[in-house]
């Protein structure tokens, strides 16, 4: 088949998923055309797109690449002398206006995609509106891989927060929700990465999505060979509060000092303010922490293989690629019994799941740190489990069948 792919992101697990899916589809003989918005260097940015970021994943040998015009307006302005309150209102009003501009660009971009004459369009994340607004204007059969609805718009706690924010913020959040729901409903089918995310999508959009498990690069994330273990635990990914890294530090602090491991938080994106808070917390609780930044994949893998356990405590994570990668590398997981992690970690056989209780988490960590034989057995079982149930070839096969179904 001749397939169009759309994505509008520069980093993260969704980008890795998009690349692996595209690679798998190309290997199965499909002709791919990748469409993405151009990120002009001279465009002011309100949407957290760092201009210095370069896409480290190369699609050039997989698909024919097409650039769509940068939809971000050039006219953003700031009046710092009027204070942060005024500029917050100004920014929200600007984003309200931008929604209309994104709609116009989405309609024009859909026409460009249609002109390629593809059999179907597979869409991923749009970093401006999450659900690609292009969906509303496509005539070609479309399949959207929704990693998750925009959490700060659709989670109940955030919806209740609408009552306590400014007028323009409430209007913007309402219009963003309407835009996201209408785009989602325009898709011929929606994919998601876990049963937990399927339920979240139904609560948010009122749409039944189809679960399509993601995979792991099992060649890259392979068990260690002749690398001695150190008394350390690890959790990598962005430094965001929702990742629960402060919980991990407080849990580790409850382990007796004699056995207390060093904690590694490798990261490339996130908040330097949060990092400073974590460093301060570690000093206060006498937990040794290291924050290696922008590690090469090979260096990250060595750090993973030197560690004894992956400590994983995000808040309501929809799936958790970090847990899958850790298990693929032969590392048992201590995780929180919530969200999609309940679907990836088999409690008691390849790791342990706990309540969000620091004492329980610490006890499970200490139990694995002290029991080398059990820890090694769990790590081996985890690596086998990933290679049986969580491969990219299975993901691509599922997507190929779904695309065939909507085309026929």
Protein backbone atom coordinates (compact mmCIF):
# COMPACT_ATOMS: atom_id res chain seq x y z
CA UNK A 1 0.00 0.00 0.00
CA UNK A 2 0.94 3.62 -0.40
CA UNK A 3 0.70 5.15 3.07
CA UNK A 4 0.89 8.71 4.33
CA UNK A 5 2.29 9.31 7.81
CA UNK A 6 1.75 12.52 9.77
CA UNK A 7 3.61 13.56 12.88
CA UNK A 8 4.47 16.87 14.46
CA UNK A 9 6.94 16.30 17.29
CA UNK A 10 10.66 16.43 17.91
CA UNK A 11 11.36 14.08 20.80
CA UNK A 12 10.02 11.57 23.30
CA UNK A 13 8.54 8.09 23.32
CA UNK A 14 5.86 8.99 20.76
CA UNK A 15 8.60 9.95 18.30
CA UNK A 16 10.45 6.67 18.91
CA UNK A 17 7.20 4.78 18.39
CA UNK A 18 6.53 6.63 15.14
CA UNK A 19 10.01 5.82 13.84
CA UNK A 20 9.80 2.11 14.72
CA UNK A 21 6.34 1.77 13.18
CA UNK A 22 7.46 3.52 9.99
CA UNK A 23 10.55 1.32 9.79
CA UNK A 24 8.45 -1.82 10.22
CA UNK A 25 5.89 -0.77 7.60
CA UNK A 26 8.67 0.02 5.11
CA UNK A 27 10.26 -3.39 5.72
CA UNK A 28 6.90 -4.97 4.88
CA UNK A 29 7.04 -3.35 1.46
CA UNK A 30 4.73 -0.36 1.91
CA UNK A 31 5.51 2.93 0.19
CA UNK A 32 5.63 5.65 2.86
CA UNK A 33 5.26 9.41 2.61
CA UNK A 34 5.99 11.32 5.82
CA UNK A 35 4.36 14.73 6.33
CA UNK A 36 5.34 17.08 9.15
CA UNK A 37 5.11 20.79 9.90
CA UNK A 38 8.24 22.81 9.31
CA UNK A 39 9.72 24.49 12.39
CA UNK A 40 10.98 27.86 11.18
CA UNK A 41 13.87 29.24 13.21
CA UNK A 42 12.49 32.80 13.20
CA UNK A 43 9.05 31.88 14.51
CA UNK A 44 8.21 32.86 18.09
CA UNK A 45 7.16 29.83 20.09
CA UNK A 46 4.47 29.50 22.77
CA UNK A 47 4.28 25.75 22.57
CA UNK A 48 7.45 24.41 24.16
CA UNK A 49 9.22 23.49 20.91
CA UNK A 50 12.93 24.12 21.57
CA UNK A 51 14.46 25.52 18.39
CA UNK A 52 17.82 23.94 19.14
CA UNK A 53 16.31 20.44 19.16
CA UNK A 54 17.11 18.33 16.16
CA UNK A 55 15.29 15.14 15.34
CA UNK A 56 17.81 12.40 16.16
CA UNK A 57 15.75 9.78 14.31
CA UNK A 58 16.36 9.57 10.59
CA UNK A 59 13.29 8.86 8.46
CA UNK A 60 15.04 9.62 5.16
CA UNK A 61 15.76 6.01 4.28
CA UNK A 62 12.28 4.90 5.31
CA UNK A 63 9.87 7.39 3.74
CA UNK A 64 9.67 10.24 1.27
CA UNK A 65 9.61 13.33 3.47
CA UNK A 66 7.28 16.28 2.83
CA UNK A 67 7.37 19.54 4.81
CA UNK A 68 4.14 21.33 5.57
CA UNK A 69 4.25 25.10 6.26
CA UNK A 70 5.01 26.17 9.84
CA UNK A 71 1.57 27.08 11.25
CA UNK A 72 2.82 29.12 14.21
CA UNK A 73 2.12 32.85 13.88
CA UNK A 74 5.01 35.30 13.58
CA UNK A 75 3.26 38.12 15.40
CA UNK A 76 3.68 37.05 19.04
CA UNK A 77 4.68 39.92 21.25
CA UNK A 78 5.51 40.53 24.90
CA UNK A 79 5.26 43.61 27.11
CA UNK A 80 7.34 42.69 30.18
CA UNK A 81 6.96 46.13 31.77
CA UNK A 82 3.24 45.45 32.24
CA UNK A 83 3.94 42.45 34.49
CA UNK A 84 3.47 38.71 34.35
CA UNK A 85 -0.30 38.81 34.95
CA UNK A 86 -0.90 40.92 31.87
CA UNK A 87 1.41 38.78 29.78
CA UNK A 88 -0.27 35.59 30.97
CA UNK A 89 -3.61 36.96 29.72
CA UNK A 90 -1.89 38.13 26.54
CA UNK A 91 -0.37 34.68 25.95
CA UNK A 92 -3.70 32.88 26.47
CA UNK A 93 -5.49 35.31 24.15
CA UNK A 94 -2.78 34.70 21.56
CA UNK A 95 -3.22 30.94 21.83
CA UNK A 96 -6.96 31.34 21.38
CA UNK A 97 -6.27 33.20 18.16
CA UNK A 98 -3.72 30.60 17.12
CA UNK A 99 -6.34 27.85 17.28
CA UNK A 100 -8.11 29.44 14.34
CA UNK A 101 -4.82 29.67 12.47
CA UNK A 102 -4.04 26.02 13.17
CA UNK A 103 -7.45 25.12 11.73
CA UNK A 104 -6.67 26.97 8.48
CA UNK A 105 -3.26 25.35 8.17
CA UNK A 106 -4.73 21.94 8.96
CA UNK A 107 -7.25 22.28 6.12
CA UNK A 108 -4.53 23.37 3.69
CA UNK A 109 -2.18 20.61 4.87
CA UNK A 110 -4.90 17.99 4.44
CA UNK A 111 -5.22 19.02 0.79
CA UNK A 112 -1.44 18.56 0.35
CA UNK A 113 -1.63 15.09 1.91
CA UNK A 114 -4.63 14.15 -0.24
CA UNK A 115 -2.72 15.18 -3.36
CA UNK A 116 -0.15 12.44 -2.69
CA UNK A 117 -2.83 9.86 -3.56
CA UNK A 118 -2.16 7.52 -0.66
CA UNK A 119 -4.42 4.62 0.31
CA UNK A 120 -4.55 5.60 4.00
CA UNK A 121 -3.11 8.09 6.48
CA UNK A 122 -1.55 7.05 9.79
CA UNK A 123 -1.34 10.02 12.15
CA UNK A 124 0.66 10.48 15.34
CA UNK A 125 0.94 13.28 17.87
CA UNK A 126 0.58 16.96 17.00
CA UNK A 127 2.58 18.98 19.52
CA UNK A 128 0.21 21.97 19.14
CA UNK A 129 -3.18 20.32 19.58
CA UNK A 130 -2.36 16.65 20.38
CA UNK A 131 -5.12 15.29 18.12
CA UNK A 132 -4.08 16.43 14.63
CA UNK A 133 -6.69 18.88 13.34
CA UNK A 134 -5.84 17.57 9.87
CA UNK A 135 -8.12 14.62 10.67
CA UNK A 136 -11.19 16.84 10.22
CA UNK A 137 -10.34 17.58 6.60
CA UNK A 138 -9.08 14.24 5.29
CA UNK A 139 -11.12 12.24 2.79
CA UNK A 140 -8.57 9.41 2.73
CA UNK A 141 -9.15 6.68 5.35
CA UNK A 142 -7.35 7.72 8.55
CA UNK A 143 -5.95 5.97 11.59
CA UNK A 144 -4.77 8.03 14.59
CA UNK A 145 -2.37 6.53 17.13
CA UNK A 146 -3.41 8.42 20.25
CA UNK A 147 -0.77 8.02 22.95
CA UNK A 148 -3.11 9.85 25.35
CA UNK A 149 -5.68 12.67 25.43
CA UNK A 150 -4.24 15.96 26.67
CA UNK A 151 -4.09 15.21 30.37
CA UNK A 152 -4.36 18.78 31.66
CA UNK A 153 -7.57 19.22 29.64
CA UNK A 154 -9.40 15.97 30.27
CA UNK A 155 -8.39 14.61 33.65
CA UNK A 156 -11.13 15.29 36.18
CA UNK A 157 -8.92 17.25 38.56
CA UNK A 158 -7.85 19.59 35.79
CA UNK A 159 -11.41 20.09 34.55
CA UNK A 160 -12.41 21.14 38.07
CA UNK A 161 -9.52 23.58 38.04
CA UNK A 162 -11.31 25.49 35.25
CA UNK A 163 -13.41 27.04 38.00
CA UNK A 164 -10.41 28.75 39.53
CA UNK A 165 -8.65 30.22 36.48
CA UNK A 166 -9.10 33.35 34.45
CA UNK A 167 -11.77 34.00 31.86
CA UNK A 168 -9.49 33.63 28.82
CA UNK A 169 -7.95 30.46 30.25
CA UNK A 170 -11.40 28.88 30.66
CA UNK A 171 -12.38 29.83 27.13
CA UNK A 172 -9.12 28.50 25.71
CA UNK A 173 -9.37 25.21 27.58
CA UNK A 174 -12.97 24.75 26.43
CA UNK A 175 -12.11 25.42 22.78
CA UNK A 176 -9.05 23.18 22.94
CA UNK A 177 -11.20 20.35 24.27
CA UNK A 178 -13.78 20.89 21.53
CA UNK A 179 -11.03 20.95 18.88
CA UNK A 180 -9.41 17.79 20.21
CA UNK A 181 -12.67 15.85 20.49
CA UNK A 182 -13.86 16.88 17.02
CA UNK A 183 -10.52 15.86 15.48
CA UNK A 184 -10.57 12.51 17.30
CA UNK A 185 -14.12 11.77 16.14
CA UNK A 186 -13.12 12.46 12.55
CA UNK A 187 -10.64 9.56 12.51
CA UNK A 188 -11.82 6.31 10.95
CA UNK A 189 -10.12 4.46 13.81
CA UNK A 190 -8.10 5.32 16.90
CA UNK A 191 -5.28 3.25 18.33
CA UNK A 192 -3.94 3.47 21.87
CA UNK A 193 -1.11 1.85 23.80
CA UNK A 194 -2.87 0.19 26.78
CA UNK A 195 -6.22 -0.76 28.24
CA UNK A 196 -5.80 2.09 30.71
CA UNK A 197 -5.38 4.62 27.88
CA UNK A 198 -8.36 3.05 26.04
CA UNK A 199 -10.53 3.81 29.08
CA UNK A 200 -9.12 7.34 29.33
CA UNK A 201 -9.88 7.94 25.65
CA UNK A 202 -13.47 6.80 26.10
CA UNK A 203 -13.93 9.07 29.14
CA UNK A 204 -12.40 12.00 27.25
CA UNK A 205 -13.75 11.60 23.71
CA UNK A 206 -16.61 9.13 24.03
CA UNK A 207 -14.89 6.94 21.43
CA UNK A 208 -13.87 3.28 21.57
CA UNK A 209 -10.19 2.94 20.69
CA UNK A 210 -8.33 -0.24 19.75
CA UNK A 211 -5.38 -1.30 21.89
CA UNK A 212 -2.11 -1.73 20.02
CA UNK A 213 0.82 -2.58 22.27
CA UNK A 214 4.06 -0.74 21.61
CA UNK A 215 7.38 -2.50 21.44
CA UNK A 216 10.99 -2.30 22.52
CA UNK A 217 14.22 -2.29 20.55
CA UNK A 218 15.38 -5.56 22.06
CA UNK A 219 18.73 -5.43 20.26
CA UNK A 220 19.57 -2.08 21.85
CA UNK A 221 18.07 -2.85 25.26
CA UNK A 222 19.71 -6.23 25.81
CA UNK A 223 20.71 -7.93 29.07
CA UNK A 224 24.21 -7.25 30.36
CA UNK A 225 27.10 -9.54 29.62
CA UNK A 226 29.99 -9.48 32.10
CA UNK A 227 29.07 -6.07 33.50
CA UNK A 228 29.26 -6.14 37.32
CA UNK A 229 26.28 -4.75 39.19
CA UNK A 230 26.66 -1.76 41.49
CA UNK A 231 24.50 -0.80 44.44
CA UNK A 232 22.43 1.63 42.42
CA UNK A 233 18.90 2.01 41.09
CA UNK A 234 17.88 3.91 38.00
CA UNK A 235 14.94 5.65 36.35
CA UNK A 236 15.41 7.61 33.13
CA UNK A 237 13.25 9.95 31.11
CA UNK A 238 12.16 13.59 31.45
CA UNK A 239 12.48 15.44 34.75
CA UNK A 240 8.78 16.11 35.21
CA UNK A 241 6.87 16.15 38.48
CA UNK A 242 4.40 13.60 37.11
CA UNK A 243 7.24 11.05 36.92
CA UNK A 244 7.30 10.73 40.72
CA UNK A 245 11.08 11.06 41.14
CA UNK A 246 10.70 12.78 44.51
CA UNK A 247 8.71 9.74 45.69
CA UNK A 248 11.61 7.48 44.69
CA UNK A 249 14.07 9.61 46.67
CA UNK A 250 11.90 9.58 49.79
CA UNK A 251 11.47 5.82 49.46
CA UNK A 252 15.20 5.17 49.06
CA UNK A 253 15.83 7.34 52.13
CA UNK A 254 13.90 4.79 54.21
CA UNK A 255 16.41 2.06 53.35
CA UNK A 256 19.05 1.65 56.08
CA UNK A 257 22.19 3.62 55.25
CA UNK A 258 24.31 0.45 55.08
CA UNK A 259 22.27 -0.85 52.12
CA UNK A 260 21.04 2.45 50.65
CA UNK A 261 21.71 2.55 46.89
CA UNK A 262 22.79 5.48 44.80
CA UNK A 263 20.03 6.81 42.53
CA UNK A 264 20.54 7.74 38.87
CA UNK A 265 18.08 9.92 36.93
CA UNK A 266 19.43 10.20 33.35
CA UNK A 267 17.49 12.87 31.43
CA UNK A 268 17.49 15.09 28.37
CA UNK A 269 14.26 17.08 28.79
CA UNK A 270 12.60 18.55 31.82
CA UNK A 271 12.80 21.20 34.47
CA UNK A 272 16.07 22.44 35.93
CA UNK A 273 13.98 23.88 38.78
CA UNK A 274 12.67 20.39 39.55
CA UNK A 275 16.21 19.04 39.36
CA UNK A 276 17.32 21.58 41.97
CA UNK A 277 14.42 20.53 44.21
CA UNK A 278 15.37 16.87 43.85
CA UNK A 279 19.03 17.62 44.62
CA UNK A 280 17.99 19.54 47.73
CA UNK A 281 15.70 16.69 48.81
CA UNK A 282 18.51 14.17 48.30
CA UNK A 283 20.91 16.17 50.46
CA UNK A 284 18.30 16.60 53.16
CA UNK A 285 17.51 12.85 53.26
CA UNK A 286 21.12 11.73 52.66
CA UNK A 287 20.38 9.99 49.36
CA UNK A 288 23.16 10.09 46.75
CA UNK A 289 21.72 11.16 43.38
CA UNK A 290 23.26 11.73 39.96
CA UNK A 291 21.53 13.45 37.02
CA UNK A 292 23.55 12.56 33.88
CA UNK A 293 22.18 14.62 31.00
CA UNK A 294 21.98 13.88 27.27
CA UNK A 295 23.71 10.52 27.50
CA UNK A 296 24.47 8.66 24.30
CA UNK A 297 22.37 5.50 24.00
CA UNK A 298 25.41 3.28 24.59
CA UNK A 299 26.34 5.16 27.78
CA UNK A 300 22.77 4.99 29.02
CA UNK A 301 22.67 1.25 28.39
CA UNK A 302 25.86 0.71 30.40
CA UNK A 303 24.37 2.68 33.28
CA UNK A 304 21.20 0.56 33.07
CA UNK A 305 23.17 -2.68 33.02
CA UNK A 306 25.28 -1.61 36.02
CA UNK A 307 22.11 -0.96 38.03
CA UNK A 308 20.33 -3.57 40.10
CA UNK A 309 16.75 -2.34 39.86
CA UNK A 310 14.63 0.12 37.89
CA UNK A 311 12.54 2.19 40.32
CA UNK A 312 9.48 3.46 38.47
CA UNK A 313 6.84 5.66 40.08
CA UNK A 314 5.10 7.96 37.56
CA UNK A 315 1.64 9.26 38.36
CA UNK A 316 -1.01 7.43 36.29
CA UNK A 317 1.35 6.67 33.41
CA UNK A 318 -0.62 5.55 30.34
CA UNK A 319 1.92 2.84 29.45
CA UNK A 320 5.54 3.47 30.44
CA UNK A 321 8.19 2.75 27.80
CA UNK A 322 10.93 3.11 30.43
CA UNK A 323 9.64 0.05 32.29
CA UNK A 324 9.54 -1.96 29.06
CA UNK A 325 13.08 -0.90 28.10
CA UNK A 326 14.40 -1.73 31.57
CA UNK A 327 12.85 -5.19 31.51
CA UNK A 328 14.19 -5.78 28.00
CA UNK A 329 17.66 -5.02 29.38
CA UNK A 330 17.15 -7.63 32.11
CA UNK A 331 16.32 -5.26 34.95
CA UNK A 332 13.50 -6.09 37.38
CA UNK A 333 11.03 -3.28 38.13
CA UNK A 334 9.69 -1.88 41.35
CA UNK A 335 6.62 0.03 40.17
CA UNK A 336 3.41 1.62 41.38
CA UNK A 337 0.18 -0.34 40.97
CA UNK A 338 -1.64 2.20 38.84
CA UNK A 339 -2.12 3.22 35.21
CA UNK A 340 -0.68 1.19 32.37
CA UNK A 341 2.19 -0.12 34.50
CA UNK A 342 -0.26 -2.73 35.81
CA UNK A 343 -0.32 -4.14 32.27
CA UNK A 344 3.44 -4.23 31.68
CA UNK A 345 4.87 -5.47 35.00
CA UNK A 346 3.83 -8.99 36.05
CA UNK A 347 3.81 -8.64 39.81
CA UNK A 348 5.98 -11.19 41.58
CA UNK A 349 7.57 -12.74 38.50
CA UNK A 350 9.44 -9.97 36.66
CA UNK A 351 9.20 -7.26 39.31
CA UNK A 352 6.99 -5.96 42.07
CA UNK A 353 4.05 -3.57 42.10
CA UNK A 354 3.33 -1.50 45.22
CA UNK A 355 0.84 0.99 46.44
CA UNK A 356 2.06 4.59 46.45
CA UNK A 357 3.50 4.06 49.90
CA UNK A 358 7.12 4.96 50.59
CA UNK A 359 7.63 2.26 53.21
CA UNK A 360 6.28 -0.52 51.00
CA UNK A 361 8.30 0.73 48.02
CA UNK A 362 11.47 0.89 50.14
CA UNK A 363 10.91 -2.63 51.52
CA UNK A 364 10.50 -4.08 48.03
CA UNK A 365 13.62 -2.27 46.82
CA UNK A 366 15.68 -3.52 49.75
CA UNK A 367 14.36 -7.07 49.26
CA UNK A 368 15.61 -7.14 45.66
CA UNK A 369 18.87 -5.35 46.42
CA UNK A 370 19.74 -7.99 49.02
CA UNK A 371 18.63 -11.06 47.03
CA UNK A 372 21.02 -11.44 44.12
CA UNK A 373 19.69 -14.82 42.98
CA UNK A 374 16.04 -13.71 42.91
CA UNK A 375 16.92 -10.40 41.27
CA UNK A 376 18.84 -12.16 38.51
CA UNK A 377 16.02 -14.67 37.98
CA UNK A 378 13.45 -11.86 37.72
CA UNK A 379 15.64 -9.91 35.31
CA UNK A 380 16.03 -12.92 33.03
CA UNK A 381 12.28 -13.58 33.12
CA UNK A 382 11.62 -9.92 32.32
CA UNK A 383 13.87 -10.03 29.24
CA UNK A 384 12.13 -13.19 28.00
CA UNK A 385 8.68 -11.68 28.62
CA UNK A 386 9.47 -8.55 26.59
CA UNK A 387 10.75 -10.56 23.64
CA UNK A 388 7.59 -12.64 23.68
CA UNK A 389 4.91 -9.99 24.24
CA UNK A 390 6.31 -6.51 23.49
CA UNK A 391 8.02 -6.42 20.10
CA UNK A 392 7.76 -3.83 17.36
CA UNK A 393 7.01 -6.52 14.79
CA UNK A 394 3.81 -7.34 16.71
CA UNK A 395 2.92 -3.64 16.81
CA UNK A 396 3.44 -3.19 13.08
CA UNK A 397 1.49 -6.34 12.23
CA UNK A 398 -1.48 -5.06 14.28
CA UNK A 399 -1.36 -1.64 12.59
CA UNK A 400 -1.08 -3.18 9.13
CA UNK A 401 -4.22 -5.25 9.74
CA UNK A 402 -6.15 -2.22 11.00
CA UNK A 403 -5.10 -0.10 8.03
CA UNK A 404 -6.18 -2.87 5.67
CA UNK A 405 -9.52 -2.99 7.47
CA UNK A 406 -10.28 0.72 7.05
CA UNK A 407 -9.13 0.80 3.43
CA UNK A 408 -11.36 -2.08 2.32
